[in-house]
Amino acid sequence: MVNPELSSLVRRLPAASGADGSEAALPGRWEQALQELWQLATPGGSEERTWAERWQGEARFVIALVEAGIGGLDATLLDRALEQLRHGLEAGERWSAVVPAVESMLVPAVGPVARSFVIHCAGHAHIDMNWLWDWPETVRVSRDTFRTMDRLMAEYPDFRFSQSQASVYVAMQEYYPEIFSRIRERQRQGQWEVTASTWVENDENMASGASAVRQLLYAKRYFARELGLRPAEVPLVWQPDAFGHPFTLPGILRRAGIRYYYYCRGGHLGPRLRLFWWEGPDGSRLMAFHDSELWYNGPVRPVEAALAAVQLARETGVTDYLFVYGVGDHGGGPTRRDLETIRRVQEWPLFPRVQFSTVKAFFERVDAQLAGRQEAPAAGIPGLPAPRLPVYRGELNAVFAGCYTSQSRIKQLNRDGETLLTRAEAWQAVAGEAESVPGLLEQAWRKHLFNQFHDILPGSGVPATYQYALGLGQQVQAAAEAVENRALQYLFRHKLAYYSASQAETVARLKPRVSVAPDWVRPVAVANPLPWRRSDTVTLSIWDPPAGAEYAVLIDPEGHPVLTQRLHRREEWGHEVLRVAFPALEMPPLGLRAYAALLLTPAEWEQLIEQQGWRRRGAWHDYDPAIDPGDPPGGPGVQAWIDGNGVAHLENSWVAAEIEPGSGAIIHLIDKRTGQDLVPAGHRLGLLEVNLEAPHGMSAWKIGPFTARQPLTSGAGLRVEKNGPVEATVAAQHTFGNSRFELRIRLTAAARRLEYHLTADWRESGDQGRPAPTLQVAFPVSVSDSGRPEALYEIPFGAIRRPADGMEVPGQRFAGLGQLLLLNRGRYGFSARLEERGGDAGRVPAQIATLRMTLLRASHDPDPLPDQGRHEIEWAIVPITPEERDRTWAAKAAREATEYQYSLQGQALTAGELAIPASLDLDTGTRVGGADSTGANRAKEGEVSWIELHPADSVAWSVLKPREGVPDPDADAPGREATGPKRDWIIRLYEVEGKASKIRVRFGTALLAERGRPAVVQEVDLLEQSTGNEVLPAGEDGFDVEFRPFEIKTILLRWT
C-alpha cells in the first residue's frame, strides 16, 4: 500500500530540527541529490513508490546521523551510495532493485548505529469530554473508537493501544458493558495500556490541590476495582492537551507514585526540551516528555519521528523515542494504514527499530538506562554522550490566558464545589458513620472532577458543554450539602450542650418576670470547619419567631451578651424569618460552640442597649466606640457614614477606608497597625474597569490586545446600607453599555478584610468585527521591590512569585502585590503591571504597580454568548504589614484565603430538635433537661473541639477527611475502607514559605473523649497508602510533624 504521508513528506523535504529547536537544513549537496533522484526516476506503481519512499526515509535519517556526528559515519560513504543509486536509476533499473543493493553497501557501517535507535509507537485516541458537542456524542465517540481498536487488535496481535481518562472507561461500563468487557480482556492480554492516572485530562492550573489529589485517588480506586490495576502499574500522568502545568505538580504526582509525565503544551515560560527532569519547588522530579513538535494527534510519521530521535540523542544521549499516533480530539485512534506503515518500516535496515509499544515501556526503558540498571543501546557509539537528562525547575505555563476567565459560571461552580466537598468530608470524618450515605461523596467528587476537563473548566466549549456541566455541578452541590447537613445535624444535636448555667443566669437577668414558651430562647450552634481558633461574623436566620420578637441578642456559653445586629425580619416562602449578625470570637478549632439566642421585643431591646452601654446614635443598631467607653463584650464595633463631601467611610478597630462617590473605589485605606495609607496618592483601589479586546479568533482561549480601557469613575451613587455595629456596608451602582453593576463593600467588626460583592447583569458581547468588553477590578499599590516587582499567586499546594509584566496568569484563591492581599471566591485570571517608577511623595518611597483581577469577559468563539445574564462575584482585600510580607507572605495569604473561603456556619435550632430536649425556665433562669454540659469532652462549657494546629506560621491546611485509600486488587473485598463508627482519618498539610518547619497537631478533648488517642499516626502518600515511613510518635494530647521546604504531608490517624 502506498503511504501518502511518506510521499508527501519526501516531496516537501522539510528541514530537520536542530538541537536548540531551530530548523537546520540538510547539507546542500545531499538535499539536492535526493531531489534529483526523485525527479530522475519518479516511481511508477505502488511497489516502486514504496521502495522509493523507503530509500528517501532511510537517507534522510542517515544524513541526520552524519550531520549530528553520531556513529562516526564517513560522509563519503553516503556520497558513494547516492552515486550508486543514481547510476542504477539512470541505467533504467527499478527502485526495487537498486535500493537493496545500496542498503547492503551501507548496512555494515550504518546498520548498528541506526538499529540502536528505538521508536516506540504508542497508538492513542484523544477524546475530548464534551468539547464542541454534548455528552451523548462523547459516549458515541468513545464507543466507536474502542470498537475499532478491539477489531484492529484482533487483526494485528502486536498492535498496542494506550488510552487515558477514567471517565471514558466508566462511560463504557455504564452504557456499553460489552465493550468494557472487551477492554478488560485486551488489557489483561497486554494489548491495551491504561494511561489514566487521573479521572479526566484535567486543567491543572485552576483545580485546587485537593482536587488534584482526587483526580489521582479516584482514578486509582476505579482501576484497582474494575481492572485489577495497582497504582504502581500506571506510573504516568497523561496530559497532552492541558493548558499549562503548575510548578508544584511534580511534588504532587511523586507523592502519588507517579514517575513520568507526558504533555504537549508547555507555554512561553516552559523549556524548549523534549525529554527532561521536571523539578518542583520541593525537589521532587518527574521524567517529562514534551511532545510539542510531533504532537499526539495524527497519522504515523516515521521519518519525522526518526529525525526527532536524532535530535533527542544529541541533547541527552537517549536513543529511544516516543511517537504517539492516532486520530484524536473527536476520537478515532490508529487506522489500518498506520499499522501497515509501522509494519513496513520495521523492515528498513538503515532506520531505527520501529515497534508497537506502550508509553510506560518507553519511560521505563529510558529510566533503566539513566539509572544504570540497563545498558544503553547506543553505549560506545561515537558522538553520543552517556544518557543524561537536563533539569528544569519551574512552571510549564502559560497557555491560552483567556481560559482562566472565559465561561465564569463553570469556574464559580468549580470553586463552590471544592469548598462544599472538602467541608462536607471534614464534618463527615468528625461525625463518623452517623447518618452517612455510602458512596455519596465519591460519586459527587467524580462529577466534580469530570467538570475539570481541560476544555470544560477553561471555558472553551459550546453551549451544550455547559448545559451538561452546570447540571452536574448542581448535583455535586446537592450531594455535598446532604453529607454536610447530616453530619452537622448529628453533631449539633448529640455533641454540644446548650443552655449553660451562665447563659441561664443572663437570660433571667435580661428578660425577668416573663414566663413564655421556649420559642423566646433558641439554642444556636456555630461550627468552625478549620483547625485553628478564629474570629468572624456569623449571619443567623431564626425561623418563625414569636409575634413581637423583632430583635435578638446572642449569649455565649460564659453568659456574656454578644453584640448583635438586626438585619431584617420578613416573610419568606410563607414563613417569618429574623436575621441577625454577630461576631463569633475565638471559635474553637475544628469545633462547635453553643450560643443562646434571646428574642426580644422592641422595648426589651431598648432596655438591653442601656444595660450593656450600647447607646444609640441615630438608629437602634448603631454603636459608636468614640461615645461608648470600652468595647462591648461581643467585640469591637464597625461603622459606616457619608460625610459632607459625599465620601463614604468604613471603619473598625483595624482599618479605615474612604470611598470616592463617583467611582465607588477606595481613595484611602489606613492600616491602623502601621498608620500607613495603602492607596498611592492620586490612585483608586478596587476600581472597576472595562477593557476592550480587539476582534480576534479563538477568543475563549486567547486574550486579544486591549485597544481601550474605560474606568468606571462616575455615577456610582453611594449609599450606606448597613451601619454597624457588627457589619457595615456601602453600596454603589454602575452602568456600562447594556450592563448594570451593583457593588457592595462590607466591613465587619470581627475581621480586617474589606469584602466586595458585585451583582452584575452582564449584557456585553463581541464578535469578529467588534471589540469584546472585559470587566476587571484594579488595585494600584506602592511596591518597594528593587527592579521589576513581583506578585504572589496561589497554585495547587503552594504559591508562586511572578514578575509584574502585565501578562494574564493563573491563580487560585489569592494574589498579592505590595502590602495588599486580594482574595476571591471563584476567579482565576490575574495580571500585575508596573505603572510608575519613583517615589510616592511624602508617603511611601516606592514604585506603583497595579494588580488586576478579571471578573467577566465577552468571548465569542466557540460560544457566542457565554456569560450573558446575572452573576454574583465576591472578593476581598486584606492589608498586610511589611514584616508579614517579608517573612510569611504566602502563609499569611493562604490562611486569610482559607478563612474567607470557609465561613463560620451558624444554625438556630429549636429545643425539640435536640437529642435530649432542653429549654430554659424563664421565671427561674434554669435549664430544664438537655445534655450534660460538663465532662472530659469539653475544653470549656458549651464548646467542643476535635483537632488543632499549633503553631502554623508556614504550614497551610488542605483537608481532613475519612480514609478511603486504594483497594487491594487481590482481595475479595475492596480494601480496608471503613472501621465502623471509629473510621480512620486523613489530614493533609503543606509548607508554603520554603523553610523547614515543625507544627503540633493537638487532639481536641472531644476527639479524646469519643475515640481516644489514635493507635497509629503515620505518614502516608496521597493515595492514602503506607510509604514505609516511620510511624509518628503521638503523645497524650497530639503529635509533631516536621516539614522540609515546600513539602506536602498526608497523615493517617487510625483507631483500632
Foldseek 3Di string as FASTA:
>chain_A
DADVLLVVCLVVVAFFAALQRHGDHQPPVLNVLSVVLCVLQVDDDRVLNLLNSLVSLLLLLVSLCVVLVWQVDDPVLSVVLSVQSVVCVVVPHTSVPSSVVSCVSCCVRQLLRQALFEEAEEWEAAEFCQFAHFNVLSLVLLVVQLVVVLVVCVVPVQAAYEYEALQNLVSCVVPPVVSNVSLLVCVVVVRYHYQYQFNALFAAFAAFLVLVLLRRQLSQQVCCARNVDHQLSNQEHERADHFWFFQCVLQQSVLSNHAEYEYAAQAPPDGPAQWAWEAHLQGRTHTYGHPNPQGQAAADDQSSQSSVLSSNQLQFVASYHYDHYAHYHSTGIYDPSRVVVQVSSCPNSSHYRYGHHHPVVRVVVLVCQVVVVDPRSSPPIPSGDRGDHYYDRGIRDGFQLLLQFALQVLLLLLLVLQLLLQLLQLLCQVQFPQPDDPPLSVVLSSLSSSCRHNSRSSHSHAPSSVVVNVVSSVSSNVSSCVSNVRSVLCCVFPPFFAQALLQLVLLLVLDPPDFDPLLQKFKKKWFDSAFFFAKDKDKEKRKARDPQQQDKWKAFNNNATAQKAWDGWDDDPRIIITIIMAMDGRAHGRKMFIIMIGTDGPVSLVVVCVVQQQDDDPDSFARDCVPGPDAGPRFWFWFWDADPVRWIWIDIPAWIWTADRFFRFTQFIAGVVVRATFHFHPDTFFWKKKWWAQADPPQSRHGHDTPDIGTRGGQFHWDWDDTMGAKTKIWTWTDDDPKIKIKIWMDGHRDQKIKIKIKIQDDFAAHNHGIKIWIKTKGKGFAADPDFFWKWAAGHLEIDIDTQPFDWDFHYQWMGDHQKIKGWSRGTIKHKHFDAAAQRPPHGTGTMMMIMTTDHIRGCPPYRGSDHGIDIIMMIMHGHDPVCCVQQVTVVNQVVSVPVSRDIDMYTDHQVSHPWRWGARSNVSDIDITDDQDDQQDPHGRMGRFKHKPPQRFKHWDRKRFQAAHANSVDPDRHDRADGSNTKIKTKMWGYRQAKDKMKMWGISNNCVPQNAFPWKAWGRSRRHRPPDDTFDADRTTGMDIDGGGRMTMIMGHHD
